[in-house]
Amino acid sequence: MASTSSLTVVYVPGKPTRIVSFRPAKRPEREAYYAWLENDFNDTR
């Protein structure tokens, strides 16, 4: 599998968007992401 990261972003209307966390994704997160891509992602481009 390729390198995958987890990014947490906070959006509050009227305030700047903030990145509060950026880290390598853990194995269960990567597996869930790739399963989602394979089974549920619908690229309509």
Protein backbone atom coordinates (compact mmCIF):
# COMPACT_ATOMS: atom_id res chain seq x y z
CA MET A 1 0.00 0.00 0.00
CA ALA A 2 1.05 3.56 -0.61
CA SER A 3 1.85 6.01 2.15
CA THR A 4 -1.36 7.50 3.57
CA SER A 5 -1.79 10.33 6.06
CA SER A 6 -4.53 11.46 8.39
CA LEU A 7 -5.40 15.16 8.26
CA THR A 8 -7.78 16.80 10.74
CA VAL A 9 -9.18 20.17 9.70
CA VAL A 10 -11.46 22.46 11.72
CA TYR A 11 -13.85 24.83 9.96
CA VAL A 12 -15.81 27.46 11.87
CA PRO A 13 -17.87 29.90 9.78
CA GLY A 14 -16.34 33.38 9.85
CA LYS A 15 -12.94 32.16 11.05
CA PRO A 16 -9.87 30.87 9.21
CA THR A 17 -9.79 27.12 8.53
CA ARG A 18 -7.23 25.40 10.76
CA ILE A 19 -5.24 22.20 10.39
CA VAL A 20 -5.03 20.73 13.87
CA SER A 21 -3.37 17.40 13.16
CA PHE A 22 -1.31 15.76 10.42
CA ARG A 23 0.17 12.33 10.96
CA PRO A 24 0.79 9.02 9.22
CA ALA A 25 -2.39 6.95 9.05
CA LYS A 26 -2.56 3.81 11.17
CA ARG A 27 -3.10 0.45 9.50
CA PRO A 28 -6.86 0.22 10.33
CA GLU A 29 -7.38 3.73 8.91
CA ARG A 30 -5.53 2.83 5.71
CA GLU A 31 -7.47 -0.42 5.34
CA ALA A 32 -10.81 1.37 5.85
CA TYR A 33 -9.84 4.03 3.30
CA TYR A 34 -8.82 1.53 0.63
CA ALA A 35 -11.98 -0.55 1.27
CA TRP A 36 -14.06 2.62 0.85
CA LEU A 37 -12.27 3.45 -2.41
CA GLU A 38 -12.85 -0.04 -3.74
CA ASN A 39 -16.48 -0.47 -2.66
CA ASP A 40 -18.14 2.91 -2.16
CA PHE A 41 -16.25 5.70 -3.92
CA ASN A 42 -18.07 6.90 -7.01
CA ASP A 43 -15.84 9.09 -9.20
CA THR A 44 -18.22 10.99 -11.45
CA ARG A 45 -15.56 12.97 -13.33
